[in-house]
N, C-alpha and C. Protein backbone atom coordinates (compact mmCIF):
# COMPACT_ATOMS: atom_id res chain seq x y z
N MET A 1 11.45 -70.07 3.02
CA MET A 1 12.41 -69.71 4.01
C MET A 1 11.71 -69.36 5.33
N GLU A 2 10.62 -68.64 5.27
CA GLU A 2 9.89 -68.28 6.48
C GLU A 2 9.37 -69.52 7.21
N GLU A 3 8.96 -70.48 6.44
CA GLU A 3 8.47 -71.73 7.05
C GLU A 3 9.60 -72.45 7.78
N HIS A 4 10.78 -72.41 7.16
CA HIS A 4 11.94 -73.04 7.79
C HIS A 4 12.30 -72.34 9.09
N LEU A 5 12.26 -70.99 9.07
CA LEU A 5 12.57 -70.23 10.29
C LEU A 5 11.56 -70.52 11.41
N ILE A 6 10.34 -70.79 11.07
CA ILE A 6 9.34 -71.12 12.06
C ILE A 6 9.70 -72.45 12.75
N LYS A 7 10.21 -73.38 11.95
CA LYS A 7 10.51 -74.72 12.49
C LYS A 7 11.91 -74.81 13.09
N CYS A 8 12.89 -74.05 12.57
CA CYS A 8 14.28 -74.26 12.98
C CYS A 8 14.71 -73.15 13.97
N ASN A 9 14.89 -73.55 15.20
CA ASN A 9 15.27 -72.60 16.25
C ASN A 9 16.69 -72.06 16.02
N GLU A 10 17.60 -72.90 15.55
CA GLU A 10 18.98 -72.46 15.33
C GLU A 10 19.05 -71.36 14.28
N CYS A 11 18.38 -71.52 13.17
CA CYS A 11 18.39 -70.52 12.11
C CYS A 11 17.69 -69.24 12.58
N ARG A 12 16.63 -69.40 13.36
CA ARG A 12 15.93 -68.24 13.87
C ARG A 12 16.85 -67.41 14.78
N GLU A 13 17.64 -68.07 15.64
CA GLU A 13 18.60 -67.38 16.50
C GLU A 13 19.68 -66.69 15.69
N LYS A 14 20.16 -67.35 14.64
CA LYS A 14 21.20 -66.73 13.80
C LYS A 14 20.65 -65.50 13.10
N LEU A 15 19.43 -65.59 12.59
CA LEU A 15 18.81 -64.45 11.93
C LEU A 15 18.61 -63.28 12.93
N SER A 16 18.19 -63.62 14.11
CA SER A 16 18.02 -62.59 15.14
C SER A 16 19.35 -61.93 15.46
N TYR A 17 20.41 -62.70 15.57
CA TYR A 17 21.74 -62.17 15.83
C TYR A 17 22.17 -61.21 14.71
N ILE A 18 21.95 -61.64 13.49
CA ILE A 18 22.33 -60.83 12.32
C ILE A 18 21.56 -59.51 12.33
N ARG A 19 20.28 -59.57 12.57
CA ARG A 19 19.45 -58.34 12.61
C ARG A 19 19.89 -57.40 13.69
N ASN A 20 20.17 -57.93 14.89
CA ASN A 20 20.63 -57.10 16.01
C ASN A 20 21.97 -56.46 15.67
N TYR A 21 22.86 -57.23 15.08
CA TYR A 21 24.17 -56.71 14.71
C TYR A 21 24.03 -55.57 13.71
N MET A 22 23.15 -55.74 12.72
CA MET A 22 22.98 -54.72 11.72
C MET A 22 22.39 -53.44 12.31
N GLU A 23 21.44 -53.56 13.24
CA GLU A 23 20.85 -52.41 13.91
C GLU A 23 21.90 -51.66 14.74
N GLU A 24 22.73 -52.38 15.48
CA GLU A 24 23.78 -51.75 16.27
C GLU A 24 24.79 -51.06 15.35
N ASN A 25 25.14 -51.69 14.26
CA ASN A 25 26.09 -51.12 13.31
C ASN A 25 25.52 -49.84 12.70
N ASP A 26 24.24 -49.83 12.35
CA ASP A 26 23.60 -48.64 11.80
C ASP A 26 23.63 -47.49 12.81
N GLU A 27 23.35 -47.78 14.08
CA GLU A 27 23.38 -46.76 15.11
C GLU A 27 24.79 -46.17 15.25
N ARG A 28 25.82 -47.03 15.25
CA ARG A 28 27.20 -46.54 15.37
C ARG A 28 27.56 -45.67 14.17
N GLU A 29 27.17 -46.09 12.99
CA GLU A 29 27.47 -45.28 11.79
C GLU A 29 26.80 -43.92 11.86
N GLN A 30 25.57 -43.85 12.37
CA GLN A 30 24.85 -42.60 12.47
C GLN A 30 25.55 -41.68 13.47
N ILE A 31 26.03 -42.21 14.59
CA ILE A 31 26.75 -41.44 15.58
C ILE A 31 28.01 -40.88 14.97
N GLU A 32 28.76 -41.71 14.22
CA GLU A 32 29.98 -41.25 13.58
C GLU A 32 29.70 -40.17 12.55
N LEU A 33 28.62 -40.32 11.76
CA LEU A 33 28.27 -39.30 10.79
C LEU A 33 27.89 -37.97 11.45
N ASP A 34 27.14 -38.05 12.54
CA ASP A 34 26.77 -36.85 13.28
C ASP A 34 28.00 -36.13 13.81
N TYR A 35 28.97 -36.90 14.32
CA TYR A 35 30.19 -36.32 14.85
C TYR A 35 30.99 -35.65 13.73
N LEU A 36 31.11 -36.31 12.59
CA LEU A 36 31.84 -35.72 11.48
C LEU A 36 31.15 -34.47 10.95
N LYS A 37 29.84 -34.47 10.97
CA LYS A 37 29.06 -33.30 10.52
C LYS A 37 29.35 -32.11 11.45
N LYS A 38 29.40 -32.35 12.75
CA LYS A 38 29.72 -31.29 13.69
C LYS A 38 31.13 -30.73 13.47
N ILE A 39 32.07 -31.62 13.23
CA ILE A 39 33.41 -31.17 12.98
C ILE A 39 33.49 -30.33 11.70
N ARG A 40 32.82 -30.77 10.66
CA ARG A 40 32.79 -30.03 9.40
C ARG A 40 32.18 -28.64 9.60
N ILE A 41 31.13 -28.53 10.34
CA ILE A 41 30.49 -27.22 10.59
C ILE A 41 31.43 -26.32 11.38
N LYS A 42 32.05 -26.86 12.44
CA LYS A 42 32.96 -26.05 13.25
C LYS A 42 34.16 -25.60 12.43
N THR A 43 34.67 -26.48 11.58
CA THR A 43 35.81 -26.10 10.74
C THR A 43 35.44 -25.00 9.76
N ARG A 44 34.25 -25.10 9.19
CA ARG A 44 33.79 -24.06 8.25
C ARG A 44 33.62 -22.73 8.95
N ILE A 45 33.07 -22.72 10.17
CA ILE A 45 32.91 -21.49 10.92
C ILE A 45 34.26 -20.88 11.25
N LYS A 46 35.21 -21.67 11.68
CA LYS A 46 36.54 -21.17 12.01
C LYS A 46 37.21 -20.60 10.76
N SER A 47 37.05 -21.27 9.61
CA SER A 47 37.63 -20.78 8.36
C SER A 47 37.07 -19.39 8.00
N VAL A 48 35.77 -19.24 8.13
CA VAL A 48 35.13 -17.99 7.79
C VAL A 48 35.59 -16.87 8.74
N LEU A 49 35.67 -17.19 10.03
CA LEU A 49 36.13 -16.19 11.00
C LEU A 49 37.58 -15.79 10.76
N ILE A 50 38.43 -16.75 10.41
CA ILE A 50 39.82 -16.43 10.10
C ILE A 50 39.90 -15.56 8.88
N ALA A 51 39.12 -15.87 7.84
CA ALA A 51 39.11 -15.06 6.62
C ALA A 51 38.65 -13.64 6.89
N ILE A 52 37.61 -13.49 7.71
CA ILE A 52 37.12 -12.15 8.07
C ILE A 52 38.21 -11.40 8.84
N GLY A 53 38.87 -12.08 9.75
CA GLY A 53 39.97 -11.47 10.51
C GLY A 53 41.09 -10.99 9.64
N ILE A 54 41.49 -11.82 8.69
CA ILE A 54 42.58 -11.48 7.79
C ILE A 54 42.18 -10.27 6.92
N ILE A 55 40.98 -10.27 6.44
CA ILE A 55 40.49 -9.16 5.60
C ILE A 55 40.49 -7.87 6.43
N GLY A 56 40.03 -7.99 7.68
CA GLY A 56 40.04 -6.81 8.56
C GLY A 56 41.41 -6.25 8.81
N ILE A 57 42.36 -7.13 9.06
CA ILE A 57 43.74 -6.73 9.32
C ILE A 57 44.33 -6.08 8.06
N LEU A 58 44.11 -6.71 6.91
CA LEU A 58 44.65 -6.16 5.68
C LEU A 58 44.02 -4.82 5.33
N LYS A 59 42.74 -4.67 5.63
CA LYS A 59 42.05 -3.44 5.31
C LYS A 59 42.61 -2.27 6.18
N ARG A 60 42.87 -2.56 7.46
CA ARG A 60 43.40 -1.55 8.37
C ARG A 60 44.82 -1.19 8.00
N ARG A 61 45.59 -2.12 7.57
CA ARG A 61 47.02 -1.88 7.30
C ARG A 61 47.31 -1.39 5.90
N SER A 62 46.34 -1.47 5.04
CA SER A 62 46.55 -1.09 3.66
C SER A 62 46.61 0.42 3.55
N LYS A 63 47.67 0.93 2.94
CA LYS A 63 47.83 2.38 2.77
C LYS A 63 47.09 2.82 1.51
N PHE A 64 46.90 1.93 0.62
CA PHE A 64 46.31 2.28 -0.69
C PHE A 64 44.93 1.65 -0.87
N ALA A 65 44.15 1.70 0.19
CA ALA A 65 42.82 1.09 0.11
C ALA A 65 41.93 1.92 -0.79
N ALA A 66 41.12 1.29 -1.56
CA ALA A 66 40.21 1.98 -2.46
C ALA A 66 39.17 2.71 -1.62
N PRO A 67 38.70 3.85 -2.09
CA PRO A 67 37.67 4.56 -1.29
C PRO A 67 36.40 3.73 -1.24
N SER A 68 35.77 3.76 -0.08
CA SER A 68 34.61 2.88 0.15
C SER A 68 33.33 3.50 -0.35
N PHE A 69 33.25 4.82 -0.42
CA PHE A 69 32.05 5.52 -0.83
C PHE A 69 30.87 5.13 0.01
N GLY A 70 31.14 4.81 1.27
CA GLY A 70 30.06 4.48 2.17
C GLY A 70 29.47 3.07 2.00
N LEU A 71 30.04 2.29 1.07
CA LEU A 71 29.51 0.92 0.83
C LEU A 71 30.02 -0.03 1.86
N LEU A 72 31.28 0.07 2.23
CA LEU A 72 31.88 -0.82 3.21
C LEU A 72 32.24 0.00 4.44
N VAL A 73 31.66 -0.36 5.53
CA VAL A 73 31.89 0.42 6.76
C VAL A 73 32.72 -0.42 7.69
């Protein structure tokens, strides 16, 4: 096959096109994965902050909160 590519300009151009296409596609996929990773991290942070906020609100409004004994301030 390599010998054929040395001799055949048309096949060499097609192979070059395929390789370039694959490289561009890999770069696009990496950008998409990085973007999705950022979204996942931001969503996780927001979820944790919301949970902490809800716990704080419930703790302040609870009339029958268990004594903390200095463990939870």
